[in-house]
C-alpha atoms as a PDB file:
ATOM      1  CA  MET A   1     -21.753-110.281 320.432  1.00  0.00           C
ATOM      2  CA  TYR A   2     -24.488-112.053 322.348  1.00  0.00           C
ATOM      3  CA  ALA A   3     -26.043-110.867 325.583  1.00  0.00           C
ATOM      4  CA  TYR A   4     -26.410-113.241 328.496  1.00  0.00           C
ATOM      5  CA  ASN A   5     -29.726-115.037 328.185  1.00  0.00           C
ATOM      6  CA  GLU A   6     -31.476-118.142 329.401  1.00  0.00           C
ATOM      7  CA  LEU A   7     -33.549-120.717 327.591  1.00  0.00           C
ATOM      8  CA  LEU A   8     -36.651-119.427 329.359  1.00  0.00           C
ATOM      9  CA  PHE A   9     -37.490-116.379 331.426  1.00  0.00           C
ATOM     10  CA  PRO A  10     -34.851-116.138 334.213  1.00  0.00           C
ATOM     11  CA  PRO A  11     -35.956-115.301 337.779  1.00  0.00           C
ATOM     12  CA  GLU A  12     -33.114-112.779 338.158  1.00  0.00           C
ATOM     13  CA  THR A  13     -34.925-110.584 335.633  1.00  0.00           C
ATOM     14  CA  ILE A  14     -37.956-110.113 337.923  1.00  0.00           C
ATOM     15  CA  PRO A  15     -36.589-107.170 339.998  1.00  0.00           C
ATOM     16  CA  HIS A  16     -35.822-105.272 336.778  1.00  0.00           C
ATOM     17  CA  LEU A  17     -39.519-105.246 335.858  1.00  0.00           C
ATOM     18  CA  ARG A  18     -40.732-103.305 338.885  1.00  0.00           C
ATOM     19  CA  HIS A  19     -40.994 -99.825 337.342  1.00  0.00           C
ATOM     20  CA  ILE A  20     -42.440-100.832 333.966  1.00  0.00           C
ATOM     21  CA  ARG A  21     -46.121-100.725 334.941  1.00  0.00           C
ATOM     22  CA  GLY A  22     -48.286 -99.163 337.651  1.00  0.00           C
ATOM     23  CA  ASP A  23     -48.681 -99.624 341.403  1.00  0.00           C
ATOM     24  CA  THR A  24     -50.503-102.951 341.170  1.00  0.00           C
ATOM     25  CA  TRP A  25     -47.647-104.399 339.145  1.00  0.00           C
ATOM     26  CA  LYS A  26     -45.039-102.920 341.519  1.00  0.00           C
ATOM     27  CA  LYS A  27     -46.737-104.586 344.492  1.00  0.00           C
ATOM     28  CA  LEU A  28     -46.754-107.924 342.694  1.00  0.00           C
ATOM     29  CA  ILE A  29     -43.052-107.638 341.831  1.00  0.00           C
ATOM     30  CA  ASP A  30     -42.202-106.515 345.373  1.00  0.00           C
ATOM     31  CA  ARG A  31     -43.907-109.628 346.725  1.00  0.00           C
ATOM     32  CA  VAL A  32     -42.410-112.093 344.264  1.00  0.00           C
ATOM     33  CA  VAL A  33     -38.795-110.893 344.610  1.00  0.00           C
ATOM     34  CA  THR A  34     -38.862-111.851 348.300  1.00  0.00           C
ATOM     35  CA  LEU A  35     -39.715-115.477 347.479  1.00  0.00           C
ATOM     36  CA  PRO A  36     -37.430-118.344 346.492  1.00  0.00           C
ATOM     37  CA  GLU A  37     -37.364-118.914 342.739  1.00  0.00           C
ATOM     38  CA  ASP A  38     -39.085-122.314 343.113  1.00  0.00           C
ATOM     39  CA  HIS A  39     -42.030-120.828 345.041  1.00  0.00           C
ATOM     40  CA  PRO A  40     -45.337-121.222 343.163  1.00  0.00           C
ATOM     41  CA  GLU A  41     -45.822-117.431 342.976  1.00  0.00           C
ATOM     42  CA  ALA A  42     -42.359-116.922 341.447  1.00  0.00           C
ATOM     43  CA  LEU A  43     -42.993-119.770 339.021  1.00  0.00           C
ATOM     44  CA  ALA A  44     -46.330-118.216 338.067  1.00  0.00           C
ATOM     45  CA  LEU A  45     -44.701-114.875 337.280  1.00  0.00           C
ATOM     46  CA  SER A  46     -42.099-116.661 335.165  1.00  0.00           C
ATOM     47  CA  LEU A  47     -44.853-118.574 333.353  1.00  0.00           C
ATOM     48  CA  LEU A  48     -46.736-115.326 332.725  1.00  0.00           C
ATOM     49  CA  MET A  49     -43.640-113.702 331.252  1.00  0.00           C
ATOM     50  CA  ILE A  50     -42.749-116.789 329.186  1.00  0.00           C
ATOM     51  CA  ARG A  51     -46.177-116.594 327.598  1.00  0.00           C
ATOM     52  CA  LEU A  52     -46.233-112.823 327.123  1.00  0.00           C
ATOM     53  CA  ALA A  53     -42.733-112.602 325.667  1.00  0.00           C
ATOM     54  CA  GLY A  54     -42.943-115.766 323.596  1.00  0.00           C
ATOM     55  CA  CYS A  55     -39.850-117.289 325.217  1.00  0.00           C
ATOM     56  CA  LEU A  56     -40.592-120.738 323.798  1.00  0.00           C
ATOM     57  CA  SER A  57     -40.048-119.464 320.266  1.00  0.00           C
ATOM     58  CA  CYS A  58     -36.912-117.453 321.066  1.00  0.00           C
ATOM     59  CA  GLU A  59     -33.849-118.645 319.151  1.00  0.00           C
ATOM     60  CA  THR A  60     -30.284-117.998 320.284  1.00  0.00           C
ATOM     61  CA  ASP A  61     -29.494-116.139 317.069  1.00  0.00           C
ATOM     62  CA  SER A  62     -32.652-114.007 317.117  1.00  0.00           C
ATOM     63  CA  TYR A  63     -32.656-110.277 317.760  1.00  0.00           C
ATOM     64  CA  ARG A  64     -34.535-110.826 321.018  1.00  0.00           C
ATOM     65  CA  ALA A  65     -31.948-113.295 322.300  1.00  0.00           C
ATOM     66  CA  MET A  66     -29.057-111.092 321.259  1.00  0.00           C
ATOM     67  CA  ARG A  67     -30.510-108.219 323.303  1.00  0.00           C
ATOM     68  CA  GLY A  68     -30.984-110.433 326.363  1.00  0.00           C
ATOM     69  CA  CYS A  69     -33.865-111.545 328.533  1.00  0.00           C
ATOM     70  CA  THR A  70     -34.209-108.440 330.708  1.00  0.00           C
ATOM     71  CA  PRO A  71     -34.545-105.933 327.834  1.00  0.00           C
ATOM     72  CA  CYS A  72     -36.938-108.295 326.068  1.00  0.00           C
ATOM     73  CA  ALA A  73     -39.136-108.670 329.177  1.00  0.00           C
ATOM     74  CA  ARG A  74     -39.150-104.925 329.798  1.00  0.00           C
ATOM     75  CA  GLN A  75     -40.135-104.224 326.193  1.00  0.00           C
ATOM     76  CA  THR A  76     -42.835-106.898 326.340  1.00  0.00           C
ATOM     77  CA  LEU A  77     -44.415-105.246 329.391  1.00  0.00           C
ATOM     78  CA  ARG A  78     -44.202-101.775 327.850  1.00  0.00           C
ATOM     79  CA  ARG A  79     -45.926-102.999 324.696  1.00  0.00           C
ATOM     80  CA  PHE A  80     -48.636-104.923 326.540  1.00  0.00           C
ATOM     81  CA  LYS A  81     -51.897-103.223 325.601  1.00  0.00           C
ATOM     82  CA  GLY A  82     -53.908-104.497 328.556  1.00  0.00           C
ATOM     83  CA  SER A  83     -54.188-102.937 331.993  1.00  0.00           C
ATOM     84  CA  ASP A  84     -52.342-103.914 335.149  1.00  0.00           C
ATOM     85  CA  ALA A  85     -55.576-105.603 336.223  1.00  0.00           C
ATOM     86  CA  GLU A  86     -55.385-107.753 333.087  1.00  0.00           C
ATOM     87  CA  LEU A  87     -51.761-108.631 333.859  1.00  0.00           C
ATOM     88  CA  THR A  88     -52.594-109.605 337.431  1.00  0.00           C
ATOM     89  CA  ARG A  89     -55.563-111.660 336.209  1.00  0.00           C
ATOM     90  CA  ARG A  90     -53.236-113.544 333.879  1.00  0.00           C
ATOM     91  CA  TYR A  91     -50.771-113.939 336.746  1.00  0.00           C
ATOM     92  CA  ARG A  92     -53.492-115.437 338.975  1.00  0.00           C
ATOM     93  CA  GLU A  93     -54.444-117.846 336.174  1.00  0.00           C
ATOM     94  CA  ALA A  94     -50.799-118.890 335.828  1.00  0.00           C
ATOM     95  CA  LEU A  95     -50.582-119.318 339.610  1.00  0.00           C
ATOM     96  CA  GLU A  96     -53.641-121.590 339.640  1.00  0.00           C
ATOM     97  CA  GLU A  97     -52.124-123.589 336.801  1.00  0.00           C
ATOM     98  CA  ILE A  98     -48.816-123.946 338.676  1.00  0.00           C
ATOM     99  CA  ARG A  99     -50.599-124.956 341.895  1.00  0.00           C
ATOM    100  CA  GLY A 100     -52.723-127.485 340.021  1.00  0.00           C
ATOM    101  CA  HIS A 101     -49.640-128.972 338.413  1.00  0.00           C
ATOM    102  CA  LEU A 102     -47.794-129.175 341.731  1.00  0.00           C
ATOM    103  CA  GLU A 103     -50.781-130.722 343.520  1.00  0.00           C
ATOM    104  CA  ALA A 104     -51.059-133.359 340.809  1.00  0.00           C
ATOM    105  CA  ARG A 105     -47.293-133.986 340.896  1.00  0.00           C
ATOM    106  CA  PRO A 106     -46.017-133.135 344.399  1.00  0.00           C
ATOM    107  CA  GLN A 107     -42.645-134.715 343.657  1.00  0.00           C
ATOM    108  CA  THR A 108     -41.955-132.063 340.978  1.00  0.00           C
ATOM    109  CA  ILE A 109     -40.553-129.568 343.491  1.00  0.00           C
ATOM    110  CA  ALA A 110     -39.745-130.487 347.059  1.00  0.00           C
ATOM    111  CA  SER A 111     -40.166-126.967 348.383  1.00  0.00           C
ATOM    112  CA  PRO A 112     -40.645-126.200 352.104  1.00  0.00           C
ATOM    113  CA  VAL A 113     -43.565-123.987 351.068  1.00  0.00           C
ATOM    114  CA  LEU A 114     -45.336-126.876 349.405  1.00  0.00           C
ATOM    115  CA  SER A 115     -44.570-129.245 352.274  1.00  0.00           C
ATOM    116  CA  ALA A 116     -46.018-126.742 354.777  1.00  0.00           C
ATOM    117  CA  GLN A 117     -49.183-126.344 352.677  1.00  0.00           C
ATOM    118  CA  ALA A 118     -49.641-130.121 352.510  1.00  0.00           C
ATOM    119  CA  ALA A 119     -49.369-130.508 356.286  1.00  0.00           C
END
């Protein structure tokens, strides 16, 4: 029996990651869960988790996929050897990458957030 999973890290998994790390991580999760899933900060957290968990190499018949995305993401964060500061640094790098991509291709996402920033 297969668990429900996505092709890449699903935004609905984000709230389930709140208690995995320390206070810095909790604050980041608390902020991101209030945002629409196409907001650059939410996209950056998804990109961070895609990279950490290796979502691009996940196969539907793999053990990771059979467990589901949320347990995989939680386990990935528990096993991460770096500090919360390292995680937030990687998050900021992902955010800059997302912003750079969106600035270069503004038609990618027609988000009110991006339109307000451009004005």
